[in-house]
Amino acid sequence: MEKKKAESYGAYLKIPELLALQQPLSDPAEHDEMLFIVIHQVYELWFKLLLHEATAILGAAGRGETRRCSRHFRRIIEIQRVLLQQISVLETMTPADFLRFRDHLNPASGFQSHQFRELEFLSGMKDTSTFPHLKLLPEDRARLERRLVEPDLRDAFDQLLGIAGFVVSEPRHDARIAALKTIYSSPSSHHDLYDLCEAMIEYDENFQLWRYHHVLMVERMIGHKIGTGGSEGVGYLTATLKKRCFPELWEARSHLGSGGYGGG
């Protein structure tokens, strides 16, 4: 079978098609609408890669490859850092600049990003309360519905715990806490799992940092106005700050004694 080869850099990356996707709706086009479109399209590309890496973690966990899971998480963490930096680029736009084209966005909103919702579900945060408000293509809604019932990153961690000899029975919360206490009390005896746990909590922390910076950016731009998609805007976004991907990783810190990792 003949090996496929790229004709050129532009052809391989579909550069002409990619650069044709930025189409402002304001007429004449407002200068900062291009910034808004590019930033959010780039976010969606990063979300695609995050989903690609997170899905790979599920496969690696099924094969008991703890170190490979950590490697994928570390790549995800670096992507998250880029996502955080992108907010600063968006904040170079003033509220007045944004308001000049904001009305063209209605009823579209980042609230409706199916890839971000899919990433939440894959991370174990399976909140269906947003479903009635999402305007999705049938195939995108089907992807989200599958993620609701398919294994997520919490399940992947449970698989690795079981392979390592920990009992992951019901209730899962208690079993995870017991395993984490053992791992953190003796990290040298569970080195690979310990490294994975630290990567997972950093992923979770960065997820929350991105949410927090996003809330501040939105408030900086529109104050407490209703969001373009009909959400409560800053009020809704602030409520999401309570979400955690791996709540037991945070709770376990409170259970560590003076003889282990948590000693002071």
C-alpha atoms as a PDB file:
ATOM      1  CA  MET A   1       0.000   0.000   0.000  1.00  0.00           C
ATOM      2  CA  GLU A   2       1.422   3.346  -1.036  1.00  0.00           C
ATOM      3  CA  LYS A   3       2.307   5.635   1.856  1.00  0.00           C
ATOM      4  CA  LYS A   4       0.405   8.928   1.950  1.00  0.00           C
ATOM      5  CA  LYS A   5       2.566  12.025   1.744  1.00  0.00           C
ATOM      6  CA  ALA A   6       1.776  15.682   2.298  1.00  0.00           C
ATOM      7  CA  GLU A   7       1.903  17.808  -0.848  1.00  0.00           C
ATOM      8  CA  SER A   8       2.916  20.840   1.174  1.00  0.00           C
ATOM      9  CA  TYR A   9       2.772  22.365   4.646  1.00  0.00           C
ATOM     10  CA  GLY A  10      -0.376  24.305   3.744  1.00  0.00           C
ATOM     11  CA  ALA A  11      -2.084  21.311   2.195  1.00  0.00           C
ATOM     12  CA  TYR A  12      -1.254  19.032   5.135  1.00  0.00           C
ATOM     13  CA  LEU A  13      -2.647  21.476   7.711  1.00  0.00           C
ATOM     14  CA  LYS A  14      -5.531  22.659   5.503  1.00  0.00           C
ATOM     15  CA  ILE A  15      -4.350  26.235   5.962  1.00  0.00           C
ATOM     16  CA  PRO A  16      -6.549  27.806   3.232  1.00  0.00           C
ATOM     17  CA  GLU A  17      -9.662  26.163   4.719  1.00  0.00           C
ATOM     18  CA  LEU A  18      -8.621  27.099   8.252  1.00  0.00           C
ATOM     19  CA  LEU A  19      -8.031  30.762   7.431  1.00  0.00           C
ATOM     20  CA  ALA A  20     -11.379  30.997   5.657  1.00  0.00           C
ATOM     21  CA  LEU A  21     -13.301  30.188   8.851  1.00  0.00           C
ATOM     22  CA  GLN A  22     -13.007  33.627  10.473  1.00  0.00           C
ATOM     23  CA  GLN A  23     -16.095  35.484   9.278  1.00  0.00           C
ATOM     24  CA  PRO A  24     -17.220  38.471  11.385  1.00  0.00           C
ATOM     25  CA  LEU A  25     -20.945  39.257  11.375  1.00  0.00           C
ATOM     26  CA  SER A  26     -20.673  42.997  12.021  1.00  0.00           C
ATOM     27  CA  ASP A  27     -20.890  45.158   8.896  1.00  0.00           C
ATOM     28  CA  PRO A  28     -18.636  47.003   8.595  1.00  0.00           C
ATOM     29  CA  ALA A  29     -16.582  44.520  10.595  1.00  0.00           C
ATOM     30  CA  GLU A  30     -15.627  45.676  14.079  1.00  0.00           C
ATOM     31  CA  HIS A  31     -11.871  45.340  14.582  1.00  0.00           C
ATOM     32  CA  ASP A  32     -12.018  43.210  17.759  1.00  0.00           C
ATOM     33  CA  GLU A  33     -14.583  40.753  16.438  1.00  0.00           C
ATOM     34  CA  MET A  34     -11.725  39.011  14.614  1.00  0.00           C
ATOM     35  CA  LEU A  35      -9.878  38.653  17.926  1.00  0.00           C
ATOM     36  CA  PHE A  36     -12.989  37.202  19.572  1.00  0.00           C
ATOM     37  CA  ILE A  37     -13.552  34.669  16.787  1.00  0.00           C
ATOM     38  CA  VAL A  38      -9.932  33.531  16.568  1.00  0.00           C
ATOM     39  CA  ILE A  39      -9.546  33.100  20.337  1.00  0.00           C
ATOM     40  CA  HIS A  40     -12.690  31.003  20.622  1.00  0.00           C
ATOM     41  CA  GLN A  41     -11.880  28.900  17.575  1.00  0.00           C
ATOM     42  CA  VAL A  42      -8.454  28.223  19.067  1.00  0.00           C
ATOM     43  CA  TYR A  43     -10.142  27.238  22.340  1.00  0.00           C
ATOM     44  CA  GLU A  44     -12.228  24.687  20.470  1.00  0.00           C
ATOM     45  CA  LEU A  45      -9.089  23.261  18.825  1.00  0.00           C
ATOM     46  CA  TRP A  46      -7.445  22.916  22.240  1.00  0.00           C
ATOM     47  CA  PHE A  47     -10.622  21.304  23.610  1.00  0.00           C
ATOM     48  CA  LYS A  48     -10.403  18.779  20.770  1.00  0.00           C
ATOM     49  CA  LEU A  49      -6.850  17.906  21.766  1.00  0.00           C
ATOM     50  CA  LEU A  50      -7.761  17.734  25.458  1.00  0.00           C
ATOM     51  CA  LEU A  51     -10.511  15.232  24.624  1.00  0.00           C
ATOM     52  CA  HIS A  52      -8.036  13.269  22.499  1.00  0.00           C
ATOM     53  CA  GLU A  53      -5.570  13.036  25.399  1.00  0.00           C
ATOM     54  CA  ALA A  54      -8.211  12.338  28.049  1.00  0.00           C
ATOM     55  CA  THR A  55      -9.696   9.538  25.936  1.00  0.00           C
ATOM     56  CA  ALA A  56      -6.191   8.071  25.622  1.00  0.00           C
ATOM     57  CA  ILE A  57      -6.016   7.989  29.445  1.00  0.00           C
ATOM     58  CA  LEU A  58      -9.072   5.733  29.503  1.00  0.00           C
ATOM     59  CA  GLY A  59      -7.378   3.295  27.154  1.00  0.00           C
ATOM     60  CA  ALA A  60      -4.070   3.353  29.034  1.00  0.00           C
ATOM     61  CA  ALA A  61      -5.835   2.778  32.359  1.00  0.00           C
ATOM     62  CA  GLY A  62      -7.614  -0.244  30.919  1.00  0.00           C
ATOM     63  CA  ARG A  63      -4.193  -1.686  30.099  1.00  0.00           C
ATOM     64  CA  GLY A  64      -2.830  -0.845  33.557  1.00  0.00           C
ATOM     65  CA  GLU A  65      -0.349   1.698  32.161  1.00  0.00           C
ATOM     66  CA  THR A  66      -0.171   4.109  35.089  1.00  0.00           C
ATOM     67  CA  ARG A  67       2.905   5.967  33.867  1.00  0.00           C
ATOM     68  CA  ARG A  68       1.383   6.545  30.452  1.00  0.00           C
ATOM     69  CA  CYS A  69      -1.716   7.978  32.142  1.00  0.00           C
ATOM     70  CA  SER A  70       0.511  10.413  34.025  1.00  0.00           C
ATOM     71  CA  ARG A  71       2.236  11.366  30.779  1.00  0.00           C
ATOM     72  CA  HIS A  72      -1.090  12.195  29.129  1.00  0.00           C
ATOM     73  CA  PHE A  73      -2.156  14.218  32.169  1.00  0.00           C
ATOM     74  CA  ARG A  74       1.125  16.170  32.056  1.00  0.00           C
ATOM     75  CA  ARG A  75       0.489  17.083  28.421  1.00  0.00           C
ATOM     76  CA  ILE A  76      -3.045  18.138  29.318  1.00  0.00           C
ATOM     77  CA  ILE A  77      -1.693  20.332  32.123  1.00  0.00           C
ATOM     78  CA  GLU A  78       0.601  22.166  29.695  1.00  0.00           C
ATOM     79  CA  ILE A  79      -2.360  22.764  27.377  1.00  0.00           C
ATOM     80  CA  GLN A  80      -4.349  24.129  30.319  1.00  0.00           C
ATOM     81  CA  ARG A  81      -1.575  26.653  30.975  1.00  0.00           C
ATOM     82  CA  VAL A  82      -1.904  27.871  27.403  1.00  0.00           C
ATOM     83  CA  LEU A  83      -5.681  28.190  27.860  1.00  0.00           C
ATOM     84  CA  LEU A  84      -5.118  30.378  30.900  1.00  0.00           C
ATOM     85  CA  GLN A  85      -2.720  32.619  28.994  1.00  0.00           C
ATOM     86  CA  GLN A  86      -5.230  33.069  26.181  1.00  0.00           C
ATOM     87  CA  ILE A  87      -7.608  34.815  28.552  1.00  0.00           C
ATOM     88  CA  SER A  88      -5.058  37.622  28.912  1.00  0.00           C
ATOM     89  CA  VAL A  89      -5.060  38.075  25.136  1.00  0.00           C
ATOM     90  CA  LEU A  90      -8.862  38.360  25.126  1.00  0.00           C
ATOM     91  CA  GLU A  91      -8.675  40.922  27.940  1.00  0.00           C
ATOM     92  CA  THR A  92      -6.815  43.332  25.670  1.00  0.00           C
ATOM     93  CA  MET A  93     -10.306  44.021  24.278  1.00  0.00           C
ATOM     94  CA  THR A  94     -12.151  46.759  26.171  1.00  0.00           C
ATOM     95  CA  PRO A  95     -15.825  46.440  27.237  1.00  0.00           C
ATOM     96  CA  ALA A  96     -16.736  49.165  24.732  1.00  0.00           C
ATOM     97  CA  ASP A  97     -14.980  47.260  21.935  1.00  0.00           C
ATOM     98  CA  PHE A  98     -16.889  44.079  22.826  1.00  0.00           C
ATOM     99  CA  LEU A  99     -20.258  45.808  23.046  1.00  0.00           C
ATOM    100  CA  ARG A 100     -19.868  47.076  19.497  1.00  0.00           C
ATOM    101  CA  PHE A 101     -20.426  43.567  18.141  1.00  0.00           C
ATOM    102  CA  ARG A 102     -21.900  41.636  21.101  1.00  0.00           C
ATOM    103  CA  ASP A 103     -25.470  41.837  19.791  1.00  0.00           C
ATOM    104  CA  HIS A 104     -24.418  39.880  16.710  1.00  0.00           C
ATOM    105  CA  LEU A 105     -23.596  36.898  18.939  1.00  0.00           C
ATOM    106  CA  ASN A 106     -27.130  36.326  20.251  1.00  0.00           C
ATOM    107  CA  PRO A 107     -28.217  33.615  20.858  1.00  0.00           C
ATOM    108  CA  ALA A 108     -24.747  32.034  20.517  1.00  0.00           C
ATOM    109  CA  SER A 109     -22.648  31.628  23.653  1.00  0.00           C
ATOM    110  CA  GLY A 110     -19.568  29.795  24.902  1.00  0.00           C
ATOM    111  CA  PHE A 111     -22.054  28.244  27.344  1.00  0.00           C
ATOM    112  CA  GLN A 112     -23.099  26.076  24.372  1.00  0.00           C
ATOM    113  CA  SER A 113     -19.672  24.575  23.640  1.00  0.00           C
ATOM    114  CA  HIS A 114     -20.405  20.858  23.364  1.00  0.00           C
ATOM    115  CA  GLN A 115     -16.691  20.013  23.514  1.00  0.00           C
ATOM    116  CA  PHE A 116     -16.294  21.781  26.848  1.00  0.00           C
ATOM    117  CA  ARG A 117     -19.371  19.947  28.176  1.00  0.00           C
ATOM    118  CA  GLU A 118     -17.924  16.694  26.883  1.00  0.00           C
ATOM    119  CA  LEU A 119     -14.658  17.419  28.685  1.00  0.00           C
ATOM    120  CA  GLU A 120     -16.589  18.039  31.906  1.00  0.00           C
ATOM    121  CA  PHE A 121     -18.427  14.723  31.556  1.00  0.00           C
ATOM    122  CA  LEU A 122     -15.212  12.874  30.738  1.00  0.00           C
ATOM    123  CA  SER A 123     -13.664  14.399  33.873  1.00  0.00           C
ATOM    124  CA  GLY A 124     -16.478  13.002  36.021  1.00  0.00           C
ATOM    125  CA  MET A 125     -18.566  16.183  36.318  1.00  0.00           C
ATOM    126  CA  LYS A 126     -21.738  14.776  34.757  1.00  0.00           C
ATOM    127  CA  ASP A 127     -24.194  17.599  35.351  1.00  0.00           C
ATOM    128  CA  THR A 128     -27.161  17.377  32.967  1.00  0.00           C
ATOM    129  CA  SER A 129     -28.848  20.594  34.136  1.00  0.00           C
ATOM    130  CA  THR A 130     -27.457  22.489  31.133  1.00  0.00           C
ATOM    131  CA  PHE A 131     -28.916  20.058  28.562  1.00  0.00           C
ATOM    132  CA  PRO A 132     -32.229  21.889  27.998  1.00  0.00           C
ATOM    133  CA  HIS A 133     -30.357  25.123  27.235  1.00  0.00           C
ATOM    134  CA  LEU A 134     -27.805  23.736  24.770  1.00  0.00           C
ATOM    135  CA  LYS A 135     -28.405  24.285  21.066  1.00  0.00           C
ATOM    136  CA  LEU A 136     -26.623  21.280  19.609  1.00  0.00           C
ATOM    137  CA  LEU A 137     -26.468  19.337  16.385  1.00  0.00           C
ATOM    138  CA  PRO A 138     -27.970  15.839  16.790  1.00  0.00           C
ATOM    139  CA  GLU A 139     -24.544  14.198  16.496  1.00  0.00           C
ATOM    140  CA  ASP A 140     -23.079  16.516  19.176  1.00  0.00           C
ATOM    141  CA  ARG A 141     -25.933  15.798  21.563  1.00  0.00           C
ATOM    142  CA  ALA A 142     -25.457  12.087  20.927  1.00  0.00           C
ATOM    143  CA  ARG A 143     -21.751  12.389  21.859  1.00  0.00           C
ATOM    144  CA  LEU A 144     -22.671  14.056  25.142  1.00  0.00           C
ATOM    145  CA  GLU A 145     -25.290  11.444  25.926  1.00  0.00           C
ATOM    146  CA  ARG A 146     -22.715   8.692  25.333  1.00  0.00           C
ATOM    147  CA  ARG A 147     -20.246  10.412  27.658  1.00  0.00           C
ATOM    148  CA  LEU A 148     -22.882  10.364  30.383  1.00  0.00           C
ATOM    149  CA  VAL A 149     -22.949   6.575  30.469  1.00  0.00           C
ATOM    150  CA  GLU A 150     -19.400   5.737  29.364  1.00  0.00           C
ATOM    151  CA  PRO A 151     -16.451   5.409  31.804  1.00  0.00           C
ATOM    152  CA  ASP A 152     -14.803   8.675  32.803  1.00  0.00           C
ATOM    153  CA  LEU A 153     -11.449   9.638  34.310  1.00  0.00           C
ATOM    154  CA  ARG A 154     -12.650   8.750  37.809  1.00  0.00           C
ATOM    155  CA  ASP A 155     -13.453   5.252  36.581  1.00  0.00           C
ATOM    156  CA  ALA A 156     -10.024   5.071  34.937  1.00  0.00           C
ATOM    157  CA  PHE A 157      -8.387   5.873  38.269  1.00  0.00           C
ATOM    158  CA  ASP A 158     -10.465   3.172  39.968  1.00  0.00           C
ATOM    159  CA  GLN A 159      -9.239   0.682  37.378  1.00  0.00           C
ATOM    160  CA  LEU A 160      -5.620   1.503  38.146  1.00  0.00           C
ATOM    161  CA  LEU A 161      -6.246   1.255  41.882  1.00  0.00           C
ATOM    162  CA  GLY A 162      -7.771  -2.191  41.390  1.00  0.00           C
ATOM    163  CA  ILE A 163      -4.866  -3.372  39.248  1.00  0.00           C
ATOM    164  CA  ALA A 164      -2.467  -2.159  41.981  1.00  0.00           C
ATOM    165  CA  GLY A 165      -4.269  -4.322  44.540  1.00  0.00           C
ATOM    166  CA  PHE A 166      -6.555  -1.786  46.220  1.00  0.00           C
ATOM    167  CA  VAL A 167     -10.151  -2.810  46.881  1.00  0.00           C
ATOM    168  CA  VAL A 168     -12.421  -0.419  44.978  1.00  0.00           C
ATOM    169  CA  SER A 169     -15.844  -1.444  46.255  1.00  0.00           C
ATOM    170  CA  GLU A 170     -19.001   0.507  47.002  1.00  0.00           C
ATOM    171  CA  PRO A 171     -19.241   3.140  48.249  1.00  0.00           C
ATOM    172  CA  ARG A 172     -16.581   4.312  45.801  1.00  0.00           C
ATOM    173  CA  HIS A 173     -15.936   7.505  47.768  1.00  0.00           C
ATOM    174  CA  ASP A 174     -14.814   5.625  50.888  1.00  0.00           C
ATOM    175  CA  ALA A 175     -12.731   3.177  48.875  1.00  0.00           C
ATOM    176  CA  ARG A 176     -10.927   5.997  47.077  1.00  0.00           C
ATOM    177  CA  ILE A 177     -10.224   7.838  50.322  1.00  0.00           C
ATOM    178  CA  ALA A 178      -8.790   4.675  51.896  1.00  0.00           C
ATOM    179  CA  ALA A 179      -6.545   4.058  48.885  1.00  0.00           C
ATOM    180  CA  LEU A 180      -5.386   7.677  48.743  1.00  0.00           C
ATOM    181  CA  LYS A 181      -4.487   7.672  52.442  1.00  0.00           C
ATOM    182  CA  THR A 182      -2.250   4.663  51.816  1.00  0.00           C
ATOM    183  CA  ILE A 183      -0.678   6.137  48.668  1.00  0.00           C
ATOM    184  CA  TYR A 184       0.068   9.512  50.241  1.00  0.00           C
ATOM    185  CA  SER A 185       1.261   8.055  53.533  1.00  0.00           C
ATOM    186  CA  SER A 186       3.846   5.977  51.686  1.00  0.00           C
ATOM    187  CA  PRO A 187       4.539   7.576  48.284  1.00  0.00           C
ATOM    188  CA  SER A 188       7.794   5.671  47.757  1.00  0.00           C
ATOM    189  CA  SER A 189       5.896   2.373  47.958  1.00  0.00           C
ATOM    190  CA  HIS A 190       3.320   3.539  45.396  1.00  0.00           C
ATOM    191  CA  HIS A 191       5.474   5.832  43.282  1.00  0.00           C
ATOM    192  CA  ASP A 192       3.601   5.578  39.976  1.00  0.00           C
ATOM    193  CA  LEU A 193       0.174   6.049  41.557  1.00  0.00           C
ATOM    194  CA  TYR A 194       1.491   8.910  43.675  1.00  0.00           C
ATOM    195  CA  ASP A 195       2.795  10.711  40.568  1.00  0.00           C
ATOM    196  CA  LEU A 196      -0.527  10.116  38.846  1.00  0.00           C
ATOM    197  CA  CYS A 197      -2.470  11.534  41.801  1.00  0.00           C
ATOM    198  CA  GLU A 198      -0.341  14.676  41.774  1.00  0.00           C
ATOM    199  CA  ALA A 199      -0.909  15.086  38.029  1.00  0.00           C
ATOM    200  CA  MET A 200      -4.649  14.566  38.488  1.00  0.00           C
ATOM    201  CA  ILE A 201      -4.991  17.170  41.219  1.00  0.00           C
ATOM    202  CA  GLU A 202      -2.962  19.649  39.172  1.00  0.00           C
ATOM    203  CA  TYR A 203      -5.318  19.029  36.256  1.00  0.00           C
ATOM    204  CA  ASP A 204      -8.279  19.619  38.571  1.00  0.00           C
ATOM    205  CA  GLU A 205      -6.709  22.778  40.000  1.00  0.00           C
ATOM    206  CA  ASN A 206      -6.011  24.180  36.536  1.00  0.00           C
ATOM    207  CA  PHE A 207      -9.600  23.419  35.520  1.00  0.00           C
ATOM    208  CA  GLN A 208     -10.804  25.546  38.433  1.00  0.00           C
ATOM    209  CA  LEU A 209      -8.254  28.291  37.732  1.00  0.00           C
ATOM    210  CA  TRP A 210      -9.488  28.514  34.149  1.00  0.00           C
ATOM    211  CA  ARG A 211     -13.086  28.787  35.368  1.00  0.00           C
ATOM    212  CA  TYR A 212     -12.118  31.492  37.874  1.00  0.00           C
ATOM    213  CA  HIS A 213     -10.157  33.556  35.341  1.00  0.00           C
ATOM    214  CA  HIS A 214     -13.003  33.151  32.868  1.00  0.00           C
ATOM    215  CA  VAL A 215     -15.514  34.457  35.420  1.00  0.00           C
ATOM    216  CA  LEU A 216     -13.346  37.511  36.081  1.00  0.00           C
ATOM    217  CA  MET A 217     -12.870  38.143  32.365  1.00  0.00           C
ATOM    218  CA  VAL A 218     -16.627  37.978  31.710  1.00  0.00           C
ATOM    219  CA  GLU A 219     -17.365  40.303  34.636  1.00  0.00           C
ATOM    220  CA  ARG A 220     -14.680  42.671  33.377  1.00  0.00           C
ATOM    221  CA  MET A 221     -16.355  42.742  29.954  1.00  0.00           C
ATOM    222  CA  ILE A 222     -20.104  42.775  30.692  1.00  0.00           C
ATOM    223  CA  GLY A 223     -20.515  43.126  34.458  1.00  0.00           C
ATOM    224  CA  HIS A 224     -23.638  41.246  35.572  1.00  0.00           C
ATOM    225  CA  LYS A 225     -25.575  41.417  32.299  1.00  0.00           C
ATOM    226  CA  ILE A 226     -27.413  38.296  31.105  1.00  0.00           C
ATOM    227  CA  GLY A 227     -25.202  36.090  28.926  1.00  0.00           C
ATOM    228  CA  THR A 228     -25.703  36.037  25.148  1.00  0.00           C
ATOM    229  CA  GLY A 229     -26.987  32.453  25.319  1.00  0.00           C
ATOM    230  CA  GLY A 230     -29.603  33.393  27.908  1.00  0.00           C
ATOM    231  CA  SER A 231     -27.638  32.146  30.921  1.00  0.00           C
ATOM    232  CA  GLU A 232     -27.250  34.214  34.085  1.00  0.00           C
ATOM    233  CA  GLY A 233     -23.801  35.269  32.930  1.00  0.00           C
ATOM    234  CA  VAL A 234     -21.416  35.853  35.824  1.00  0.00           C
ATOM    235  CA  GLY A 235     -23.936  34.425  38.307  1.00  0.00           C
ATOM    236  CA  TYR A 236     -24.038  31.080  36.503  1.00  0.00           C
ATOM    237  CA  LEU A 237     -20.272  30.980  35.965  1.00  0.00           C
ATOM    238  CA  THR A 238     -19.581  31.698  39.636  1.00  0.00           C
ATOM    239  CA  ALA A 239     -21.768  28.753  40.652  1.00  0.00           C
ATOM    240  CA  THR A 240     -19.595  26.404  38.559  1.00  0.00           C
ATOM    241  CA  LEU A 241     -16.532  27.205  40.683  1.00  0.00           C
ATOM    242  CA  LYS A 242     -17.684  24.614  43.222  1.00  0.00           C
ATOM    243  CA  LYS A 243     -17.232  21.754  40.756  1.00  0.00           C
ATOM    244  CA  ARG A 244     -14.370  19.306  41.220  1.00  0.00           C
ATOM    245  CA  CYS A 245     -13.111  16.594  38.873  1.00  0.00           C
ATOM    246  CA  PHE A 246     -11.601  14.453  41.641  1.00  0.00           C
ATOM    247  CA  PRO A 247     -13.124  15.549  44.978  1.00  0.00           C
ATOM    248  CA  GLU A 248     -11.547  12.677  46.927  1.00  0.00           C
ATOM    249  CA  LEU A 249      -8.055  13.906  46.018  1.00  0.00           C
ATOM    250  CA  TRP A 250      -8.838  17.162  47.795  1.00  0.00           C
ATOM    251  CA  GLU A 251     -10.630  15.565  50.736  1.00  0.00           C
ATOM    252  CA  ALA A 252      -7.832  13.043  51.314  1.00  0.00           C
ATOM    253  CA  ARG A 253      -5.513  15.846  52.434  1.00  0.00           C
ATOM    254  CA  SER A 254      -7.642  16.283  55.553  1.00  0.00           C
ATOM    255  CA  HIS A 255      -7.238  12.612  56.496  1.00  0.00           C
ATOM    256  CA  LEU A 256      -3.437  12.449  56.396  1.00  0.00           C
ATOM    257  CA  GLY A 257      -1.715  12.060  59.728  1.00  0.00           C
ATOM    258  CA  SER A 258       1.521  13.476  61.100  1.00  0.00           C
ATOM    259  CA  GLY A 259       3.412  10.323  60.161  1.00  0.00           C
ATOM    260  CA  GLY A 260       2.830  10.637  56.438  1.00  0.00           C
ATOM    261  CA  TYR A 261       2.744  13.088  53.616  1.00  0.00           C
ATOM    262  CA  GLY A 262       0.441  15.480  55.480  1.00  0.00           C
ATOM    263  CA  GLY A 263       2.687  15.829  58.528  1.00  0.00           C
ATOM    264  CA  GLY A 264       3.730  19.243  59.757  1.00  0.00           C
END
